[in-house]
Amino acid sequence: MAKYNILIVEDHALTRFGLKTAFESADCLAEIYEASKAQTGIDIVEKENIDVVIMDLGLPDMNGIEAAKIIKQKHPEIKVIILSSHEQQEDVIKSVKAGASAYCTKDVAPDKLISIVESVIKGAAWFDPKVAGYVLNAAVAYEKEDKNPPDTDAKQEKTADTNLTTREKQVLALIVEGFSNSDIAKKLDVSVNTTKAHVCNILQKLSVSDRTQAAIKAIKDHII
């Protein structure tokens, strides 16, 4: 397993300890850093070579979203994962605009969080299934209204080279529009099994685990 430098910004000592313990047990860290305040976390980012920041939303000195925005503006290469105890749509959308690569609720399993860290390092986005719909709807709204997309990694970096075939891009575009496999098969005049194979290839190439995440990444990274 690759080694990453991870910064945990969380004001609750017990939660912070639990996160640190989970990562240490997985042996996926080069080093782990801790901060109980947003500004302390920002200062650590300026001094250390941080790969991923796990940012609590409710911090005593500054909102975690604002802290994430500051970090991403100065260090677009750093991946930020927002960790929250609630699922409010406004906070989810603001997190995406701030440049967060993932939004997790605090009931996320430790092994899942470790998997999410590995995914965002590879350039994928991950949003808790309970809030993923908010992100997708907002992303589609931006696209339809021809507005600039949120200030995410996709805006700060070049469009990812996904190596998708022309057919896979066609399938992905239909996934973004909300079509099912059977509907996609009919529109492209192929079998459902062929469509499923295309979807599997798309998920693998985009390093995502489901159709929703594929749609989010497609819009964020301007793949289609």
C-alpha atoms as a PDB file:
ATOM      1  CA  MET A   1       0.000   0.000   0.000  1.00  0.00           C
ATOM      2  CA  ALA A   2       1.308   3.452  -0.911  1.00  0.00           C
ATOM      3  CA  LYS A   3       2.340   5.884   1.800  1.00  0.00           C
ATOM      4  CA  TYR A   4       0.669   9.271   2.216  1.00  0.00           C
ATOM      5  CA  ASN A   5       1.111  12.240   4.529  1.00  0.00           C
ATOM      6  CA  ILE A   6      -2.294  12.912   6.054  1.00  0.00           C
ATOM      7  CA  LEU A   7      -3.435  15.885   8.106  1.00  0.00           C
ATOM      8  CA  ILE A   8      -6.464  15.425  10.370  1.00  0.00           C
ATOM      9  CA  VAL A   9      -8.165  18.701  11.318  1.00  0.00           C
ATOM     10  CA  GLU A  10     -10.738  17.858  13.995  1.00  0.00           C
ATOM     11  CA  ASP A  11     -11.517  19.692  17.236  1.00  0.00           C
ATOM     12  CA  HIS A  12     -12.823  16.648  19.117  1.00  0.00           C
ATOM     13  CA  ALA A  13      -9.825  14.826  20.572  1.00  0.00           C
ATOM     14  CA  LEU A  14     -11.572  11.448  20.728  1.00  0.00           C
ATOM     15  CA  THR A  15     -12.619  11.574  17.079  1.00  0.00           C
ATOM     16  CA  ARG A  16      -9.164  12.730  16.075  1.00  0.00           C
ATOM     17  CA  PHE A  17      -7.592   9.873  18.010  1.00  0.00           C
ATOM     18  CA  GLY A  18      -9.948   7.368  16.387  1.00  0.00           C
ATOM     19  CA  LEU A  19      -9.072   8.576  12.899  1.00  0.00           C
ATOM     20  CA  LYS A  20      -5.360   8.492  13.636  1.00  0.00           C
ATOM     21  CA  THR A  21      -5.615   4.976  15.061  1.00  0.00           C
ATOM     22  CA  ALA A  22      -7.533   3.750  12.007  1.00  0.00           C
ATOM     23  CA  PHE A  23      -4.894   4.998   9.600  1.00  0.00           C
ATOM     24  CA  GLU A  24      -1.994   3.764  11.695  1.00  0.00           C
ATOM     25  CA  SER A  25      -3.504   0.283  11.838  1.00  0.00           C
ATOM     26  CA  ALA A  26      -3.828   0.277   8.057  1.00  0.00           C
ATOM     27  CA  ASP A  27      -0.152   1.129   7.660  1.00  0.00           C
ATOM     28  CA  CYS A  28      -0.900   3.532   4.821  1.00  0.00           C
ATOM     29  CA  LEU A  29       0.825   6.605   6.216  1.00  0.00           C
ATOM     30  CA  ALA A  30       4.233   8.087   5.751  1.00  0.00           C
ATOM     31  CA  GLU A  31       3.291  10.427   8.580  1.00  0.00           C
ATOM     32  CA  ILE A  32       0.139  11.710  10.237  1.00  0.00           C
ATOM     33  CA  TYR A  33      -0.372  15.287  11.410  1.00  0.00           C
ATOM     34  CA  GLU A  34      -3.072  16.606  13.714  1.00  0.00           C
ATOM     35  CA  ALA A  35      -4.748  19.954  14.328  1.00  0.00           C
ATOM     36  CA  SER A  36      -7.679  20.946  16.522  1.00  0.00           C
ATOM     37  CA  LYS A  37      -8.200  24.299  14.776  1.00  0.00           C
ATOM     38  CA  ALA A  38      -8.497  25.309  11.136  1.00  0.00           C
ATOM     39  CA  GLN A  39      -5.709  27.880  11.261  1.00  0.00           C
ATOM     40  CA  THR A  40      -3.351  25.372  12.842  1.00  0.00           C
ATOM     41  CA  GLY A  41      -4.117  23.007   9.980  1.00  0.00           C
ATOM     42  CA  ILE A  42      -3.469  25.734   7.410  1.00  0.00           C
ATOM     43  CA  ASP A  43      -0.135  26.489   9.075  1.00  0.00           C
ATOM     44  CA  ILE A  44       0.854  22.811   8.975  1.00  0.00           C
ATOM     45  CA  VAL A  45       0.060  22.649   5.261  1.00  0.00           C
ATOM     46  CA  GLU A  46       2.442  25.563   4.684  1.00  0.00           C
ATOM     47  CA  LYS A  47       5.287  23.807   6.481  1.00  0.00           C
ATOM     48  CA  GLU A  48       4.838  20.122   5.669  1.00  0.00           C
ATOM     49  CA  ASN A  49       4.405  18.020   2.531  1.00  0.00           C
ATOM     50  CA  ILE A  50       0.749  17.063   2.997  1.00  0.00           C
ATOM     51  CA  ASP A  51      -1.044  14.818   0.493  1.00  0.00           C
ATOM     52  CA  VAL A  52      -4.535  14.644   2.014  1.00  0.00           C
ATOM     53  CA  VAL A  53      -6.401  16.796   4.529  1.00  0.00           C
ATOM     54  CA  ILE A  54      -9.331  15.299   6.420  1.00  0.00           C
ATOM     55  CA  MET A  55     -11.254  18.394   7.479  1.00  0.00           C
ATOM     56  CA  ASP A  56     -14.007  18.580  10.078  1.00  0.00           C
ATOM     57  CA  LEU A  57     -16.816  20.911   9.078  1.00  0.00           C
ATOM     58  CA  GLY A  58     -17.498  22.490  12.471  1.00  0.00           C
ATOM     59  CA  LEU A  59     -14.253  23.921  13.825  1.00  0.00           C
ATOM     60  CA  PRO A  60     -14.013  26.515  16.631  1.00  0.00           C
ATOM     61  CA  ASP A  61     -12.062  29.216  14.790  1.00  0.00           C
ATOM     62  CA  MET A  62     -13.140  28.819  11.166  1.00  0.00           C
ATOM     63  CA  ASN A  63     -15.624  26.834   9.102  1.00  0.00           C
ATOM     64  CA  GLY A  64     -13.989  23.758   7.613  1.00  0.00           C
ATOM     65  CA  ILE A  65     -15.230  24.718   4.157  1.00  0.00           C
ATOM     66  CA  GLU A  66     -13.501  28.092   4.327  1.00  0.00           C
ATOM     67  CA  ALA A  67     -10.316  26.410   5.535  1.00  0.00           C
ATOM     68  CA  ALA A  68     -10.528  23.933   2.645  1.00  0.00           C
ATOM     69  CA  LYS A  69     -10.916  26.805   0.190  1.00  0.00           C
ATOM     70  CA  ILE A  70      -7.810  28.544   1.550  1.00  0.00           C
ATOM     71  CA  ILE A  71      -5.778  25.352   1.309  1.00  0.00           C
ATOM     72  CA  LYS A  72      -6.930  24.540  -2.231  1.00  0.00           C
ATOM     73  CA  GLN A  73      -6.240  28.057  -3.483  1.00  0.00           C
ATOM     74  CA  LYS A  74      -2.621  27.865  -2.346  1.00  0.00           C
ATOM     75  CA  HIS A  75      -2.080  24.145  -2.858  1.00  0.00           C
ATOM     76  CA  PRO A  76      -4.430  22.767  -5.547  1.00  0.00           C
ATOM     77  CA  GLU A  77      -2.542  19.467  -5.560  1.00  0.00           C
ATOM     78  CA  ILE A  78      -3.616  18.669  -1.986  1.00  0.00           C
ATOM     79  CA  LYS A  79      -6.759  16.557  -1.702  1.00  0.00           C
ATOM     80  CA  VAL A  80      -9.344  17.634   0.869  1.00  0.00           C
ATOM     81  CA  ILE A  81     -11.911  15.294   2.398  1.00  0.00           C
ATOM     82  CA  ILE A  82     -14.713  16.983   4.334  1.00  0.00           C
ATOM     83  CA  LEU A  83     -15.912  15.051   7.382  1.00  0.00           C
ATOM     84  CA  SER A  84     -19.292  16.101   8.757  1.00  0.00           C
ATOM     85  CA  SER A  85     -21.880  14.915  11.238  1.00  0.00           C
ATOM     86  CA  HIS A  86     -24.776  16.046   9.046  1.00  0.00           C
ATOM     87  CA  GLU A  87     -25.963  15.961   5.434  1.00  0.00           C
ATOM     88  CA  GLN A  88     -27.143  19.499   4.678  1.00  0.00           C
ATOM     89  CA  GLN A  89     -27.280  20.200   0.968  1.00  0.00           C
ATOM     90  CA  GLU A  90     -25.860  23.720   1.295  1.00  0.00           C
ATOM     91  CA  ASP A  91     -22.717  22.485   3.048  1.00  0.00           C
ATOM     92  CA  VAL A  92     -22.207  19.698   0.521  1.00  0.00           C
ATOM     93  CA  ILE A  93     -22.395  22.086  -2.439  1.00  0.00           C
ATOM     94  CA  LYS A  94     -20.153  24.655  -0.743  1.00  0.00           C
ATOM     95  CA  SER A  95     -17.617  21.909  -0.076  1.00  0.00           C
ATOM     96  CA  VAL A  96     -17.504  21.027  -3.764  1.00  0.00           C
ATOM     97  CA  LYS A  97     -17.127  24.685  -4.724  1.00  0.00           C
ATOM     98  CA  ALA A  98     -14.285  25.012  -2.215  1.00  0.00           C
ATOM     99  CA  GLY A  99     -12.453  22.211  -3.990  1.00  0.00           C
ATOM    100  CA  ALA A 100     -13.133  19.218  -1.748  1.00  0.00           C
ATOM    101  CA  SER A 101     -12.605  15.854  -3.420  1.00  0.00           C
ATOM    102  CA  ALA A 102     -14.849  13.992  -0.987  1.00  0.00           C
ATOM    103  CA  TYR A 103     -17.622  14.562   1.547  1.00  0.00           C
ATOM    104  CA  CYS A 104     -18.097  11.900   4.217  1.00  0.00           C
ATOM    105  CA  THR A 105     -20.443  11.675   7.149  1.00  0.00           C
ATOM    106  CA  LYS A 106     -18.868  10.765  10.475  1.00  0.00           C
ATOM    107  CA  ASP A 107     -20.497   7.340  10.535  1.00  0.00           C
ATOM    108  CA  VAL A 108     -18.209   6.235   7.685  1.00  0.00           C
ATOM    109  CA  ALA A 109     -16.425   2.960   8.440  1.00  0.00           C
ATOM    110  CA  PRO A 110     -12.658   3.283   9.015  1.00  0.00           C
ATOM    111  CA  ASP A 111     -11.773   0.903   6.184  1.00  0.00           C
ATOM    112  CA  LYS A 112     -14.058   2.836   3.851  1.00  0.00           C
ATOM    113  CA  LEU A 113     -12.385   6.131   4.773  1.00  0.00           C
ATOM    114  CA  ILE A 114      -8.992   4.601   4.014  1.00  0.00           C
ATOM    115  CA  SER A 115     -10.337   3.485   0.634  1.00  0.00           C
ATOM    116  CA  ILE A 116     -11.658   6.997  -0.003  1.00  0.00           C
ATOM    117  CA  VAL A 117      -8.230   8.476   0.716  1.00  0.00           C
ATOM    118  CA  GLU A 118      -6.677   6.148  -1.851  1.00  0.00           C
ATOM    119  CA  SER A 119      -9.377   7.061  -4.383  1.00  0.00           C
ATOM    120  CA  VAL A 120      -8.970  10.831  -4.086  1.00  0.00           C
ATOM    121  CA  ILE A 121      -5.190  10.486  -4.302  1.00  0.00           C
ATOM    122  CA  LYS A 122      -5.774   8.912  -7.731  1.00  0.00           C
ATOM    123  CA  GLY A 123      -7.952  11.844  -8.756  1.00  0.00           C
ATOM    124  CA  ALA A 124     -11.393  10.412  -8.080  1.00  0.00           C
ATOM    125  CA  ALA A 125     -14.206  12.181  -6.266  1.00  0.00           C
ATOM    126  CA  TRP A 126     -16.223  10.455  -3.555  1.00  0.00           C
ATOM    127  CA  PHE A 127     -19.410  11.601  -1.900  1.00  0.00           C
ATOM    128  CA  ASP A 128     -21.441   9.734   0.668  1.00  0.00           C
ATOM    129  CA  PRO A 129     -24.386   8.084  -1.109  1.00  0.00           C
ATOM    130  CA  LYS A 130     -26.722  10.072   1.158  1.00  0.00           C
ATOM    131  CA  VAL A 131     -25.473  13.351  -0.343  1.00  0.00           C
ATOM    132  CA  ALA A 132     -24.194  12.376  -3.799  1.00  0.00           C
ATOM    133  CA  GLY A 133     -27.490  13.393  -5.376  1.00  0.00           C
ATOM    134  CA  TYR A 134     -26.990  16.979  -4.206  1.00  0.00           C
ATOM    135  CA  VAL A 135     -23.647  17.158  -5.968  1.00  0.00           C
ATOM    136  CA  LEU A 136     -24.862  15.605  -9.188  1.00  0.00           C
ATOM    137  CA  ASN A 137     -27.907  17.885  -9.374  1.00  0.00           C
ATOM    138  CA  ALA A 138     -25.759  20.947  -8.760  1.00  0.00           C
ATOM    139  CA  ALA A 139     -23.200  19.863 -11.338  1.00  0.00           C
ATOM    140  CA  VAL A 140     -25.885  19.307 -13.951  1.00  0.00           C
ATOM    141  CA  ALA A 141     -27.379  22.713 -13.116  1.00  0.00           C
ATOM    142  CA  TYR A 142     -24.027  24.378 -13.723  1.00  0.00           C
ATOM    143  CA  GLU A 143     -23.719  22.580 -17.030  1.00  0.00           C
ATOM    144  CA  LYS A 144     -27.212  23.470 -18.224  1.00  0.00           C
ATOM    145  CA  GLU A 145     -26.905  27.122 -17.231  1.00  0.00           C
ATOM    146  CA  ASP A 146     -23.496  27.349 -18.938  1.00  0.00           C
ATOM    147  CA  LYS A 147     -21.880  28.684 -15.806  1.00  0.00           C
ATOM    148  CA  ASN A 148     -18.319  28.146 -14.693  1.00  0.00           C
ATOM    149  CA  PRO A 149     -17.968  24.853 -12.800  1.00  0.00           C
ATOM    150  CA  PRO A 150     -17.171  24.796  -9.070  1.00  0.00           C
ATOM    151  CA  ASP A 151     -13.614  25.568  -7.947  1.00  0.00           C
ATOM    152  CA  THR A 152     -12.476  21.970  -7.809  1.00  0.00           C
ATOM    153  CA  ASP A 153      -9.408  20.031  -8.837  1.00  0.00           C
ATOM    154  CA  ALA A 154     -10.854  19.887 -12.347  1.00  0.00           C
ATOM    155  CA  LYS A 155     -10.727  23.665 -12.668  1.00  0.00           C
ATOM    156  CA  GLN A 156      -7.265  23.951 -11.199  1.00  0.00           C
ATOM    157  CA  GLU A 157      -5.733  21.130 -13.209  1.00  0.00           C
ATOM    158  CA  LYS A 158      -5.956  20.020 -16.816  1.00  0.00           C
ATOM    159  CA  THR A 159      -8.714  17.680 -17.854  1.00  0.00           C
ATOM    160  CA  ALA A 160      -7.752  14.155 -16.880  1.00  0.00           C
ATOM    161  CA  ASP A 161      -6.672  11.750 -19.590  1.00  0.00           C
ATOM    162  CA  THR A 162      -9.152   8.974 -18.978  1.00  0.00           C
ATOM    163  CA  ASN A 163      -8.426   6.934 -22.128  1.00  0.00           C
ATOM    164  CA  LEU A 164     -12.147   6.419 -22.642  1.00  0.00           C
ATOM    165  CA  THR A 165     -13.151   5.191 -26.071  1.00  0.00           C
ATOM    166  CA  THR A 166     -15.641   7.147 -28.163  1.00  0.00           C
ATOM    167  CA  ARG A 167     -18.348   4.629 -27.300  1.00  0.00           C
ATOM    168  CA  GLU A 168     -17.538   4.779 -23.588  1.00  0.00           C
ATOM    169  CA  LYS A 169     -17.839   8.569 -23.689  1.00  0.00           C
ATOM    170  CA  GLN A 170     -21.241   8.176 -25.328  1.00  0.00           C
ATOM    171  CA  VAL A 171     -22.317   5.804 -22.567  1.00  0.00           C
ATOM    172  CA  LEU A 172     -20.936   8.123 -19.889  1.00  0.00           C
ATOM    173  CA  ALA A 173     -22.840  11.079 -21.322  1.00  0.00           C
ATOM    174  CA  LEU A 174     -26.063   9.082 -21.080  1.00  0.00           C
ATOM    175  CA  ILE A 175     -25.229   8.048 -17.507  1.00  0.00           C
ATOM    176  CA  VAL A 176     -24.913  11.745 -16.634  1.00  0.00           C
ATOM    177  CA  GLU A 177     -28.362  12.311 -18.133  1.00  0.00           C
ATOM    178  CA  GLY A 178     -29.751   9.611 -15.848  1.00  0.00           C
ATOM    179  CA  PHE A 179     -30.423   6.823 -18.337  1.00  0.00           C
ATOM    180  CA  SER A 180     -30.512   3.218 -17.131  1.00  0.00           C
ATOM    181  CA  ASN A 181     -28.494   0.444 -18.783  1.00  0.00           C
ATOM    182  CA  SER A 182     -31.522  -0.753 -20.708  1.00  0.00           C
ATOM    183  CA  ASP A 183     -32.300   2.776 -21.921  1.00  0.00           C
ATOM    184  CA  ILE A 184     -28.681   3.302 -22.971  1.00  0.00           C
ATOM    185  CA  ALA A 185     -28.737  -0.002 -24.839  1.00  0.00           C
ATOM    186  CA  LYS A 186     -31.829   1.075 -26.776  1.00  0.00           C
ATOM    187  CA  LYS A 187     -30.434   4.509 -27.632  1.00  0.00           C
ATOM    188  CA  LEU A 188     -27.128   3.088 -28.854  1.00  0.00           C
ATOM    189  CA  ASP A 189     -28.711   0.015 -30.454  1.00  0.00           C
ATOM    190  CA  VAL A 190     -26.580  -2.451 -28.514  1.00  0.00           C
ATOM    191  CA  SER A 191     -27.354  -5.221 -26.051  1.00  0.00           C
ATOM    192  CA  VAL A 192     -27.772  -4.622 -22.323  1.00  0.00           C
ATOM    193  CA  ASN A 193     -24.791  -6.896 -21.671  1.00  0.00           C
ATOM    194  CA  THR A 194     -22.640  -4.769 -23.962  1.00  0.00           C
ATOM    195  CA  THR A 195     -23.804  -1.668 -22.124  1.00  0.00           C
ATOM    196  CA  LYS A 196     -22.945  -3.240 -18.777  1.00  0.00           C
ATOM    197  CA  ALA A 197     -19.472  -4.047 -20.069  1.00  0.00           C
ATOM    198  CA  HIS A 198     -18.992  -0.430 -21.140  1.00  0.00           C
ATOM    199  CA  VAL A 199     -20.154   0.796 -17.725  1.00  0.00           C
ATOM    200  CA  CYS A 200     -17.722  -1.532 -15.949  1.00  0.00           C
ATOM    201  CA  ASN A 201     -14.871  -0.267 -18.119  1.00  0.00           C
ATOM    202  CA  ILE A 202     -15.853   3.340 -17.419  1.00  0.00           C
ATOM    203  CA  LEU A 203     -15.914   2.822 -13.652  1.00  0.00           C
ATOM    204  CA  GLN A 204     -12.511   1.167 -13.773  1.00  0.00           C
ATOM    205  CA  LYS A 205     -10.916   3.866 -15.934  1.00  0.00           C
ATOM    206  CA  LEU A 206     -12.342   6.687 -13.809  1.00  0.00           C
ATOM    207  CA  SER A 207     -11.358   4.937 -10.548  1.00  0.00           C
ATOM    208  CA  VAL A 208     -14.881   5.215  -9.158  1.00  0.00           C
ATOM    209  CA  SER A 209     -17.170   2.643  -7.591  1.00  0.00           C
ATOM    210  CA  ASP A 210     -20.597   3.516  -8.972  1.00  0.00           C
ATOM    211  CA  ARG A 211     -22.527   5.369 -11.671  1.00  0.00           C
ATOM    212  CA  THR A 212     -23.192   8.435  -9.520  1.00  0.00           C
ATOM    213  CA  GLN A 213     -19.496   8.942  -8.842  1.00  0.00           C
ATOM    214  CA  ALA A 214     -18.789   8.455 -12.555  1.00  0.00           C
ATOM    215  CA  ALA A 215     -21.314  11.148 -13.463  1.00  0.00           C
ATOM    216  CA  ILE A 216     -19.875  13.559 -10.894  1.00  0.00           C
ATOM    217  CA  LYS A 217     -16.326  13.021 -12.136  1.00  0.00           C
ATOM    218  CA  ALA A 218     -17.397  13.347 -15.761  1.00  0.00           C
ATOM    219  CA  ILE A 219     -18.839  16.798 -15.139  1.00  0.00           C
ATOM    220  CA  LYS A 220     -16.181  18.013 -12.705  1.00  0.00           C
ATOM    221  CA  ASP A 221     -13.301  16.976 -14.977  1.00  0.00           C
ATOM    222  CA  HIS A 222     -14.997  18.011 -18.249  1.00  0.00           C
ATOM    223  CA  ILE A 223     -14.637  14.507 -19.645  1.00  0.00           C
ATOM    224  CA  ILE A 224     -17.787  14.864 -21.722  1.00  0.00           C
END
